Amino acid sequence: MYDMSNLAKFNDLEQLAPAAFRSFATFDQAAFLGPAIPLKYKELMAVAVALTTQCPYCIKLHAQRAREAGATQPELAETVLVAAALRAGGAVTHGTHALG
């Protein structure tokens, strides 16, 4: 199912639902603007979220953007492990519901 060429279908989405698609694109761009958090850290956050949501498109795109924004391989590696820890933590804490 994962094929980067599928992203070319964004044009179809824009044509079929132009207002909603443009609103999404505007929101997505705005989320990465602003001076409070540097772009590198926003992209590392995006990588972590993409890892927890398991979106291969987002992982690939945001990891590349993080590198372009100055992220190093060690920073990306730590981002991967932080995301893994949070995902595991969610399983452990939700696991308490299984204990009755």
N, C-alpha and C. Protein backbone atom coordinates (compact mmCIF):
# COMPACT_ATOMS: atom_id res chain seq x y z
N MET A 1 0.81 -1.18 0.00
CA MET A 1 0.00 0.00 0.00
C MET A 1 0.87 1.26 0.00
N TYR A 2 2.03 1.21 0.61
CA TYR A 2 2.91 2.37 0.70
C TYR A 2 3.65 2.56 -0.61
N ASP A 3 3.37 3.65 -1.27
CA ASP A 3 4.03 3.98 -2.52
C ASP A 3 4.04 5.50 -2.62
N MET A 4 5.23 6.08 -2.59
CA MET A 4 5.34 7.55 -2.60
C MET A 4 4.63 8.17 -3.80
N SER A 5 4.49 7.42 -4.89
CA SER A 5 3.81 7.98 -6.06
C SER A 5 2.33 8.25 -5.78
N ASN A 6 1.78 7.62 -4.72
CA ASN A 6 0.40 7.91 -4.35
C ASN A 6 0.19 9.37 -3.96
N LEU A 7 1.26 10.02 -3.52
CA LEU A 7 1.14 11.42 -3.12
C LEU A 7 0.78 12.32 -4.30
N ALA A 8 0.99 11.84 -5.52
CA ALA A 8 0.56 12.59 -6.70
C ALA A 8 -0.96 12.73 -6.74
N LYS A 9 -1.64 11.87 -6.01
CA LYS A 9 -3.11 11.93 -5.97
C LYS A 9 -3.62 13.08 -5.11
N PHE A 10 -2.70 13.81 -4.47
CA PHE A 10 -3.12 15.02 -3.76
C PHE A 10 -3.82 15.97 -4.71
N ASN A 11 -3.37 15.99 -5.97
CA ASN A 11 -4.02 16.84 -6.97
C ASN A 11 -5.48 16.44 -7.13
N ASP A 12 -5.75 15.14 -7.11
CA ASP A 12 -7.14 14.66 -7.21
C ASP A 12 -7.95 15.14 -6.01
N LEU A 13 -7.38 15.03 -4.82
CA LEU A 13 -8.08 15.50 -3.63
C LEU A 13 -8.40 16.99 -3.73
N GLU A 14 -7.43 17.74 -4.21
CA GLU A 14 -7.65 19.18 -4.33
C GLU A 14 -8.76 19.49 -5.33
N GLN A 15 -8.80 18.75 -6.43
CA GLN A 15 -9.84 18.98 -7.43
C GLN A 15 -11.21 18.52 -6.95
N LEU A 16 -11.25 17.43 -6.21
CA LEU A 16 -12.53 16.86 -5.78
C LEU A 16 -13.11 17.56 -4.56
N ALA A 17 -12.25 18.10 -3.70
CA ALA A 17 -12.70 18.79 -2.49
C ALA A 17 -11.80 20.00 -2.27
N PRO A 18 -11.90 21.00 -3.16
CA PRO A 18 -10.93 22.10 -3.14
C PRO A 18 -10.91 22.91 -1.85
N ALA A 19 -12.04 23.25 -1.31
CA ALA A 19 -12.06 24.09 -0.11
C ALA A 19 -11.44 23.36 1.08
N ALA A 20 -11.84 22.14 1.29
CA ALA A 20 -11.32 21.37 2.42
C ALA A 20 -9.82 21.09 2.25
N PHE A 21 -9.43 20.74 1.02
CA PHE A 21 -8.02 20.44 0.79
C PHE A 21 -7.16 21.68 1.01
N ARG A 22 -7.58 22.81 0.48
CA ARG A 22 -6.81 24.04 0.66
C ARG A 22 -6.76 24.46 2.12
N SER A 23 -7.85 24.25 2.84
CA SER A 23 -7.85 24.56 4.27
C SER A 23 -6.86 23.68 5.01
N PHE A 24 -6.83 22.40 4.67
CA PHE A 24 -5.85 21.50 5.28
C PHE A 24 -4.43 21.94 4.96
N ALA A 25 -4.17 22.25 3.69
CA ALA A 25 -2.82 22.64 3.28
C ALA A 25 -2.39 23.93 3.99
N THR A 26 -3.30 24.87 4.13
CA THR A 26 -2.99 26.12 4.82
C THR A 26 -2.69 25.85 6.29
N PHE A 27 -3.51 25.03 6.93
CA PHE A 27 -3.29 24.67 8.34
C PHE A 27 -1.96 23.96 8.50
N ASP A 28 -1.67 22.99 7.63
CA ASP A 28 -0.42 22.24 7.70
C ASP A 28 0.78 23.16 7.60
N GLN A 29 0.75 24.10 6.67
CA GLN A 29 1.85 25.05 6.51
C GLN A 29 1.97 25.95 7.74
N ALA A 30 0.84 26.42 8.25
CA ALA A 30 0.86 27.33 9.40
C ALA A 30 1.43 26.65 10.65
N ALA A 31 1.20 25.36 10.78
CA ALA A 31 1.69 24.65 11.96
C ALA A 31 3.21 24.65 12.04
N PHE A 32 3.86 24.77 10.91
CA PHE A 32 5.32 24.75 10.88
C PHE A 32 5.94 26.15 10.85
N LEU A 33 5.11 27.18 10.90
CA LEU A 33 5.60 28.55 10.95
C LEU A 33 5.70 29.00 12.40
N GLY A 34 6.18 30.19 12.59
CA GLY A 34 6.23 30.75 13.94
C GLY A 34 7.61 30.63 14.55
N PRO A 35 7.95 31.62 15.33
CA PRO A 35 9.31 31.69 15.86
C PRO A 35 9.54 30.94 17.18
N ALA A 36 8.51 30.54 17.87
CA ALA A 36 8.69 29.99 19.22
C ALA A 36 9.49 28.69 19.22
N ILE A 37 9.21 27.80 18.29
CA ILE A 37 9.91 26.52 18.21
C ILE A 37 10.63 26.46 16.87
N PRO A 38 11.94 26.25 16.88
CA PRO A 38 12.67 26.17 15.62
C PRO A 38 12.15 25.04 14.73
N LEU A 39 12.24 25.24 13.41
CA LEU A 39 11.73 24.27 12.45
C LEU A 39 12.32 22.88 12.67
N LYS A 40 13.59 22.78 12.99
CA LYS A 40 14.20 21.47 13.20
C LYS A 40 13.44 20.68 14.27
N TYR A 41 13.09 21.35 15.35
CA TYR A 41 12.39 20.66 16.43
C TYR A 41 10.95 20.33 16.04
N LYS A 42 10.32 21.20 15.28
CA LYS A 42 8.98 20.88 14.80
C LYS A 42 9.00 19.65 13.90
N GLU A 43 10.02 19.57 13.05
CA GLU A 43 10.12 18.41 12.16
C GLU A 43 10.45 17.14 12.96
N LEU A 44 11.28 17.25 13.99
CA LEU A 44 11.53 16.08 14.83
C LEU A 44 10.27 15.64 15.56
N MET A 45 9.45 16.61 16.00
CA MET A 45 8.16 16.26 16.60
C MET A 45 7.28 15.55 15.58
N ALA A 46 7.30 16.04 14.35
CA ALA A 46 6.50 15.42 13.29
C ALA A 46 6.96 13.98 13.04
N VAL A 47 8.26 13.75 13.06
CA VAL A 47 8.78 12.39 12.90
C VAL A 47 8.27 11.51 14.04
N ALA A 48 8.34 11.99 15.27
CA ALA A 48 7.88 11.20 16.41
C ALA A 48 6.41 10.87 16.29
N VAL A 49 5.60 11.84 15.92
CA VAL A 49 4.17 11.59 15.77
C VAL A 49 3.93 10.61 14.63
N ALA A 50 4.65 10.79 13.52
CA ALA A 50 4.49 9.88 12.38
C ALA A 50 4.86 8.45 12.76
N LEU A 51 5.87 8.30 13.61
CA LEU A 51 6.24 6.96 14.06
C LEU A 51 5.14 6.36 14.92
N THR A 52 4.51 7.16 15.77
CA THR A 52 3.46 6.61 16.63
C THR A 52 2.18 6.35 15.85
N THR A 53 1.90 7.15 14.82
CA THR A 53 0.72 6.89 13.98
C THR A 53 1.03 5.90 12.86
N GLN A 54 2.32 5.59 12.71
CA GLN A 54 2.82 4.63 11.74
C GLN A 54 2.46 5.00 10.30
N CYS A 55 2.66 6.28 9.98
CA CYS A 55 2.43 6.76 8.61
C CYS A 55 3.76 6.79 7.87
N PRO A 56 4.00 5.83 6.97
CA PRO A 56 5.29 5.79 6.28
C PRO A 56 5.57 7.02 5.43
N TYR A 57 4.52 7.60 4.87
CA TYR A 57 4.71 8.82 4.07
C TYR A 57 5.24 9.94 4.95
N CYS A 58 4.60 10.13 6.09
CA CYS A 58 5.00 11.20 7.01
C CYS A 58 6.39 10.95 7.58
N ILE A 59 6.69 9.70 7.89
CA ILE A 59 8.03 9.37 8.41
C ILE A 59 9.08 9.80 7.40
N LYS A 60 8.90 9.39 6.16
CA LYS A 60 9.89 9.69 5.13
C LYS A 60 10.00 11.20 4.88
N LEU A 61 8.86 11.85 4.71
CA LEU A 61 8.87 13.28 4.38
C LEU A 61 9.42 14.13 5.53
N HIS A 62 8.96 13.86 6.74
CA HIS A 62 9.39 14.70 7.86
C HIS A 62 10.82 14.39 8.31
N ALA A 63 11.28 13.16 8.14
CA ALA A 63 12.68 12.86 8.43
C ALA A 63 13.57 13.62 7.47
N GLN A 64 13.19 13.65 6.20
CA GLN A 64 13.97 14.41 5.22
C GLN A 64 13.94 15.90 5.55
N ARG A 65 12.77 16.41 5.87
CA ARG A 65 12.67 17.83 6.22
C ARG A 65 13.46 18.15 7.49
N ALA A 66 13.46 17.22 8.44
CA ALA A 66 14.24 17.42 9.67
C ALA A 66 15.73 17.52 9.33
N ARG A 67 16.19 16.63 8.46
CA ARG A 67 17.60 16.69 8.03
C ARG A 67 17.90 18.03 7.36
N GLU A 68 16.99 18.45 6.48
CA GLU A 68 17.18 19.72 5.78
C GLU A 68 17.20 20.90 6.75
N ALA A 69 16.49 20.76 7.86
CA ALA A 69 16.45 21.81 8.88
C ALA A 69 17.62 21.70 9.86
N GLY A 70 18.51 20.73 9.63
CA GLY A 70 19.70 20.63 10.46
C GLY A 70 19.74 19.49 11.45
N ALA A 71 18.73 18.63 11.45
CA ALA A 71 18.73 17.50 12.38
C ALA A 71 19.82 16.51 11.99
N THR A 72 20.46 15.95 13.00
CA THR A 72 21.52 14.98 12.80
C THR A 72 20.97 13.56 12.93
N GLN A 73 21.76 12.60 12.51
CA GLN A 73 21.36 11.21 12.67
C GLN A 73 21.17 10.85 14.14
N PRO A 74 22.06 11.29 15.05
CA PRO A 74 21.81 10.99 16.47
C PRO A 74 20.50 11.61 16.98
N GLU A 75 20.16 12.82 16.51
CA GLU A 75 18.88 13.43 16.92
C GLU A 75 17.71 12.62 16.40
N LEU A 76 17.80 12.16 15.16
CA LEU A 76 16.72 11.34 14.62
C LEU A 76 16.63 10.01 15.37
N ALA A 77 17.78 9.43 15.71
CA ALA A 77 17.77 8.17 16.46
C ALA A 77 17.10 8.35 17.82
N GLU A 78 17.42 9.44 18.52
CA GLU A 78 16.78 9.69 19.81
C GLU A 78 15.29 9.95 19.64
N THR A 79 14.92 10.62 18.57
CA THR A 79 13.50 10.86 18.28
C THR A 79 12.77 9.53 18.12
N VAL A 80 13.38 8.60 17.40
CA VAL A 80 12.79 7.27 17.21
C VAL A 80 12.57 6.59 18.56
N LEU A 81 13.56 6.66 19.43
CA LEU A 81 13.46 5.97 20.72
C LEU A 81 12.48 6.65 21.67
N VAL A 82 12.40 7.98 21.61
CA VAL A 82 11.39 8.68 22.43
C VAL A 82 9.99 8.27 21.97
N ALA A 83 9.78 8.23 20.65
CA ALA A 83 8.47 7.82 20.13
C ALA A 83 8.16 6.38 20.54
N ALA A 84 9.16 5.52 20.46
CA ALA A 84 8.96 4.12 20.85
C ALA A 84 8.62 4.00 22.33
N ALA A 85 9.29 4.79 23.15
CA ALA A 85 9.02 4.76 24.59
C ALA A 85 7.60 5.22 24.89
N LEU A 86 7.16 6.27 24.22
CA LEU A 86 5.80 6.76 24.46
C LEU A 86 4.76 5.76 23.97
N ARG A 87 5.03 5.15 22.84
CA ARG A 87 4.09 4.14 22.32
C ARG A 87 4.02 2.95 23.28
N ALA A 88 5.18 2.53 23.76
CA ALA A 88 5.20 1.42 24.72
C ALA A 88 4.55 1.83 26.03
N GLY A 89 4.80 3.06 26.45
CA GLY A 89 4.18 3.55 27.68
C GLY A 89 2.67 3.55 27.60
N GLY A 90 2.15 3.90 26.43
CA GLY A 90 0.70 3.86 26.24
C GLY A 90 0.16 2.44 26.36
N ALA A 91 0.90 1.49 25.83
CA ALA A 91 0.46 0.09 25.94
C ALA A 91 0.49 -0.38 27.39
N VAL A 92 1.52 0.03 28.12
CA VAL A 92 1.64 -0.39 29.53
C VAL A 92 0.53 0.25 30.36
N THR A 93 0.32 1.55 30.19
CA THR A 93 -0.70 2.21 31.02
C THR A 93 -2.11 1.73 30.64
N HIS A 94 -2.36 1.53 29.36
CA HIS A 94 -3.67 1.00 28.97
C HIS A 94 -3.80 -0.45 29.40
N GLY A 95 -2.66 -1.14 29.53
CA GLY A 95 -2.68 -2.53 29.98
C GLY A 95 -3.24 -2.69 31.38
N THR A 96 -3.21 -1.62 32.17
CA THR A 96 -3.78 -1.71 33.51
C THR A 96 -5.28 -2.01 33.45
N HIS A 97 -5.93 -1.66 32.34
CA HIS A 97 -7.36 -1.96 32.20
C HIS A 97 -7.60 -3.46 32.09
N ALA A 98 -6.59 -4.17 31.61
CA ALA A 98 -6.73 -5.63 31.46
C ALA A 98 -6.62 -6.36 32.80
N LEU A 99 -6.15 -5.67 33.80
CA LEU A 99 -5.96 -6.32 35.10
C LEU A 99 -7.23 -6.41 35.93
N GLY A 100 -8.29 -5.84 35.43
CA GLY A 100 -9.56 -5.99 36.11
C GLY A 100 -9.89 -4.94 37.03
